[in-house]
Amino acid sequence: MRKNFALSKVIPQRKKTVKFRYAREFMEMSDRYREIRKGTGRSLMDTCFWCGHKFPNGEKMWLATREKGANVVLCQTCAES
């Protein structure tokens, strides 16, 4: 589990930074997970919030809580960077 960290990247003309309270391993992506999320009417959360990586079945997702806003999922590379 990581606590109180930030991710930054350079976007043309500016730098984007999002602060997180924590991130921890959440669960593996599966067809069942996609089916459940589809029925909620909310975001499918099937791609990494930060880099846009689409999760294949079996890949671990990390749940991250932003300082301002809702929970998001991150890929392992982004969560550990």
N, C-alpha and C. Protein backbone atom coordinates (compact mmCIF):
# COMPACT_ATOMS: atom_id res chain seq x y z
N MET A 1 0.86 -1.17 0.00
CA MET A 1 0.00 0.00 0.00
C MET A 1 0.89 1.23 0.00
N ARG A 2 0.53 2.22 -0.78
CA ARG A 2 1.23 3.50 -0.81
C ARG A 2 0.32 4.55 -0.22
N LYS A 3 0.89 5.49 0.51
CA LYS A 3 0.10 6.57 1.11
C LYS A 3 0.68 7.91 0.70
N ASN A 4 -0.21 8.88 0.53
CA ASN A 4 0.14 10.28 0.25
C ASN A 4 1.23 10.40 -0.81
N PHE A 5 0.87 10.18 -2.06
CA PHE A 5 1.81 10.32 -3.16
C PHE A 5 1.15 11.08 -4.29
N ALA A 6 1.94 11.48 -5.28
CA ALA A 6 1.42 12.23 -6.43
C ALA A 6 2.04 11.67 -7.70
N LEU A 7 1.30 11.71 -8.80
CA LEU A 7 1.80 11.36 -10.12
C LEU A 7 1.85 12.62 -10.95
N SER A 8 2.92 12.78 -11.73
CA SER A 8 3.06 13.96 -12.59
C SER A 8 3.47 13.52 -13.99
N LYS A 9 3.01 14.25 -14.99
CA LYS A 9 3.46 14.02 -16.36
C LYS A 9 3.38 15.33 -17.12
N VAL A 10 4.24 15.47 -18.13
CA VAL A 10 4.25 16.68 -18.93
C VAL A 10 3.27 16.51 -20.08
N ILE A 11 2.37 17.44 -20.19
CA ILE A 11 1.39 17.49 -21.27
C ILE A 11 1.79 18.72 -22.09
N PRO A 12 1.60 18.68 -23.39
CA PRO A 12 2.01 19.86 -24.16
C PRO A 12 1.54 21.16 -23.49
N GLN A 13 2.47 22.05 -23.26
CA GLN A 13 2.22 23.37 -22.69
C GLN A 13 2.12 23.40 -21.17
N ARG A 14 2.03 22.24 -20.51
CA ARG A 14 1.89 22.28 -19.05
C ARG A 14 2.23 20.92 -18.44
N LYS A 15 2.27 20.89 -17.13
CA LYS A 15 2.52 19.66 -16.37
C LYS A 15 1.28 19.36 -15.53
N LYS A 16 0.80 18.13 -15.58
CA LYS A 16 -0.39 17.73 -14.84
C LYS A 16 0.03 16.92 -13.62
N THR A 17 -0.49 17.27 -12.46
CA THR A 17 -0.20 16.55 -11.23
C THR A 17 -1.52 16.24 -10.52
N VAL A 18 -1.67 15.00 -10.11
CA VAL A 18 -2.84 14.57 -9.35
C VAL A 18 -2.34 13.96 -8.06
N LYS A 19 -2.88 14.42 -6.93
CA LYS A 19 -2.45 13.91 -5.63
C LYS A 19 -3.41 12.82 -5.16
N PHE A 20 -2.82 11.78 -4.57
CA PHE A 20 -3.57 10.64 -4.08
C PHE A 20 -3.35 10.47 -2.59
N ARG A 21 -4.36 10.01 -1.90
CA ARG A 21 -4.21 9.69 -0.48
C ARG A 21 -3.53 8.34 -0.32
N TYR A 22 -3.94 7.36 -1.12
CA TYR A 22 -3.30 6.05 -1.06
C TYR A 22 -3.66 5.25 -2.30
N ALA A 23 -2.91 4.17 -2.52
CA ALA A 23 -3.22 3.20 -3.57
C ALA A 23 -2.85 1.83 -3.03
N ARG A 24 -3.66 0.83 -3.36
CA ARG A 24 -3.36 -0.54 -2.95
C ARG A 24 -3.89 -1.51 -4.00
N GLU A 25 -3.29 -2.70 -4.00
CA GLU A 25 -3.76 -3.71 -4.94
C GLU A 25 -5.23 -3.96 -4.68
N PHE A 26 -5.99 -4.03 -5.76
CA PHE A 26 -7.44 -4.10 -5.64
C PHE A 26 -7.95 -5.48 -6.01
N MET A 27 -7.84 -5.83 -7.28
CA MET A 27 -8.33 -7.14 -7.75
C MET A 27 -7.85 -7.37 -9.17
N GLU A 28 -8.10 -8.56 -9.69
CA GLU A 28 -7.76 -8.87 -11.07
C GLU A 28 -8.93 -8.50 -11.98
N MET A 29 -8.60 -8.00 -13.15
CA MET A 29 -9.63 -7.70 -14.15
C MET A 29 -10.20 -9.02 -14.67
N SER A 30 -11.51 -9.03 -14.88
CA SER A 30 -12.17 -10.23 -15.40
C SER A 30 -13.44 -9.81 -16.14
N ASP A 31 -13.99 -10.75 -16.89
CA ASP A 31 -15.25 -10.49 -17.59
C ASP A 31 -16.36 -10.23 -16.57
N ARG A 32 -16.32 -10.93 -15.45
CA ARG A 32 -17.34 -10.74 -14.40
C ARG A 32 -17.29 -9.32 -13.84
N TYR A 33 -16.07 -8.80 -13.61
CA TYR A 33 -15.90 -7.43 -13.12
C TYR A 33 -16.51 -6.43 -14.11
N ARG A 34 -16.20 -6.61 -15.41
CA ARG A 34 -16.75 -5.72 -16.43
C ARG A 34 -18.28 -5.77 -16.45
N GLU A 35 -18.83 -6.97 -16.31
CA GLU A 35 -20.28 -7.14 -16.31
C GLU A 35 -20.92 -6.41 -15.12
N ILE A 36 -20.32 -6.53 -13.95
CA ILE A 36 -20.85 -5.87 -12.76
C ILE A 36 -20.78 -4.36 -12.91
N ARG A 37 -19.63 -3.83 -13.37
CA ARG A 37 -19.46 -2.38 -13.53
C ARG A 37 -20.41 -1.83 -14.59
N LYS A 38 -20.66 -2.60 -15.63
CA LYS A 38 -21.55 -2.15 -16.71
C LYS A 38 -22.95 -1.92 -16.17
N GLY A 39 -23.39 -2.74 -15.23
CA GLY A 39 -24.72 -2.64 -14.67
C GLY A 39 -24.90 -1.50 -13.68
N THR A 40 -23.81 -0.85 -13.26
CA THR A 40 -23.93 0.23 -12.27
C THR A 40 -24.29 1.56 -12.90
N GLY A 41 -24.08 1.71 -14.21
CA GLY A 41 -24.35 2.99 -14.86
C GLY A 41 -23.24 4.00 -14.62
N ARG A 42 -22.16 3.58 -13.99
CA ARG A 42 -21.00 4.43 -13.75
C ARG A 42 -19.88 4.03 -14.69
N SER A 43 -18.73 4.67 -14.51
CA SER A 43 -17.55 4.35 -15.30
C SER A 43 -17.23 2.86 -15.19
N LEU A 44 -16.79 2.27 -16.29
CA LEU A 44 -16.43 0.86 -16.28
C LEU A 44 -15.15 0.61 -15.49
N MET A 45 -14.31 1.62 -15.35
CA MET A 45 -13.03 1.49 -14.65
C MET A 45 -12.24 0.31 -15.22
N ASP A 46 -12.18 0.20 -16.56
CA ASP A 46 -11.43 -0.90 -17.17
C ASP A 46 -10.14 -0.43 -17.82
N THR A 47 -9.80 0.84 -17.61
CA THR A 47 -8.52 1.37 -18.09
C THR A 47 -7.85 2.14 -16.96
N CYS A 48 -6.53 2.24 -17.04
CA CYS A 48 -5.77 2.98 -16.03
C CYS A 48 -6.13 4.46 -16.11
N PHE A 49 -6.45 5.06 -14.99
CA PHE A 49 -6.82 6.47 -14.92
C PHE A 49 -5.69 7.36 -15.44
N TRP A 50 -4.44 6.98 -15.18
CA TRP A 50 -3.32 7.86 -15.49
C TRP A 50 -2.79 7.70 -16.91
N CYS A 51 -2.53 6.46 -17.34
CA CYS A 51 -1.90 6.27 -18.66
C CYS A 51 -2.86 5.75 -19.72
N GLY A 52 -4.07 5.33 -19.32
CA GLY A 52 -5.06 4.85 -20.29
C GLY A 52 -4.88 3.40 -20.69
N HIS A 53 -3.96 2.68 -20.05
CA HIS A 53 -3.73 1.26 -20.36
C HIS A 53 -5.02 0.47 -20.12
N LYS A 54 -5.43 -0.30 -21.13
CA LYS A 54 -6.64 -1.13 -20.99
C LYS A 54 -6.24 -2.45 -20.33
N PHE A 55 -6.93 -2.79 -19.25
CA PHE A 55 -6.59 -3.98 -18.48
C PHE A 55 -7.07 -5.25 -19.18
N PRO A 56 -6.15 -6.19 -19.49
CA PRO A 56 -6.60 -7.49 -19.99
C PRO A 56 -7.05 -8.35 -18.81
N ASN A 57 -7.82 -9.37 -19.08
CA ASN A 57 -8.25 -10.29 -18.01
C ASN A 57 -7.03 -10.87 -17.31
N GLY A 58 -7.09 -10.92 -15.98
CA GLY A 58 -6.02 -11.50 -15.19
C GLY A 58 -5.00 -10.49 -14.67
N GLU A 59 -5.02 -9.26 -15.18
CA GLU A 59 -4.06 -8.25 -14.72
C GLU A 59 -4.56 -7.60 -13.43
N LYS A 60 -3.65 -7.40 -12.48
CA LYS A 60 -3.99 -6.75 -11.22
C LYS A 60 -4.24 -5.27 -11.42
N MET A 61 -5.29 -4.77 -10.79
CA MET A 61 -5.60 -3.34 -10.79
C MET A 61 -5.31 -2.81 -9.39
N TRP A 62 -4.96 -1.55 -9.30
CA TRP A 62 -4.76 -0.88 -8.03
C TRP A 62 -5.87 0.14 -7.86
N LEU A 63 -6.46 0.20 -6.68
CA LEU A 63 -7.48 1.18 -6.35
C LEU A 63 -6.79 2.37 -5.69
N ALA A 64 -7.00 3.56 -6.20
CA ALA A 64 -6.37 4.76 -5.65
C ALA A 64 -7.43 5.78 -5.28
N THR A 65 -7.24 6.44 -4.17
CA THR A 65 -8.15 7.49 -3.72
C THR A 65 -7.49 8.83 -3.94
N ARG A 66 -8.12 9.66 -4.77
CA ARG A 66 -7.59 11.00 -5.03
C ARG A 66 -7.92 11.91 -3.85
N GLU A 67 -7.08 12.93 -3.66
CA GLU A 67 -7.38 13.91 -2.60
C GLU A 67 -8.70 14.61 -2.87
N LYS A 68 -8.95 14.90 -4.13
CA LYS A 68 -10.20 15.56 -4.53
C LYS A 68 -10.82 14.72 -5.64
N GLY A 69 -11.96 14.13 -5.37
CA GLY A 69 -12.63 13.35 -6.39
C GLY A 69 -12.83 11.92 -5.97
N ALA A 70 -13.30 11.14 -6.91
CA ALA A 70 -13.67 9.75 -6.66
C ALA A 70 -12.47 8.82 -6.73
N ASN A 71 -12.69 7.56 -6.34
CA ASN A 71 -11.67 6.53 -6.49
C ASN A 71 -11.44 6.25 -7.97
N VAL A 72 -10.23 5.84 -8.29
CA VAL A 72 -9.87 5.48 -9.65
C VAL A 72 -9.04 4.21 -9.59
N VAL A 73 -8.85 3.56 -10.74
CA VAL A 73 -7.96 2.41 -10.81
C VAL A 73 -6.71 2.79 -11.58
N LEU A 74 -5.58 2.23 -11.14
CA LEU A 74 -4.29 2.45 -11.78
C LEU A 74 -3.69 1.11 -12.16
N CYS A 75 -2.85 1.12 -13.20
CA CYS A 75 -2.10 -0.08 -13.53
C CYS A 75 -0.93 -0.17 -12.53
N GLN A 76 -0.31 -1.32 -12.47
CA GLN A 76 0.76 -1.53 -11.51
C GLN A 76 1.94 -0.59 -11.79
N THR A 77 2.25 -0.35 -13.05
CA THR A 77 3.36 0.53 -13.41
C THR A 77 3.13 1.94 -12.86
N CYS A 78 1.95 2.50 -13.05
CA CYS A 78 1.66 3.84 -12.57
C CYS A 78 1.58 3.88 -11.04
N ALA A 79 0.99 2.86 -10.44
CA ALA A 79 0.83 2.84 -8.98
C ALA A 79 2.17 2.76 -8.27
N GLU A 80 3.14 2.12 -8.89
CA GLU A 80 4.44 1.95 -8.24
C GLU A 80 5.47 2.99 -8.67
N SER A 81 5.11 3.87 -9.58
CA SER A 81 6.09 4.87 -10.04
C SER A 81 6.14 6.07 -9.12
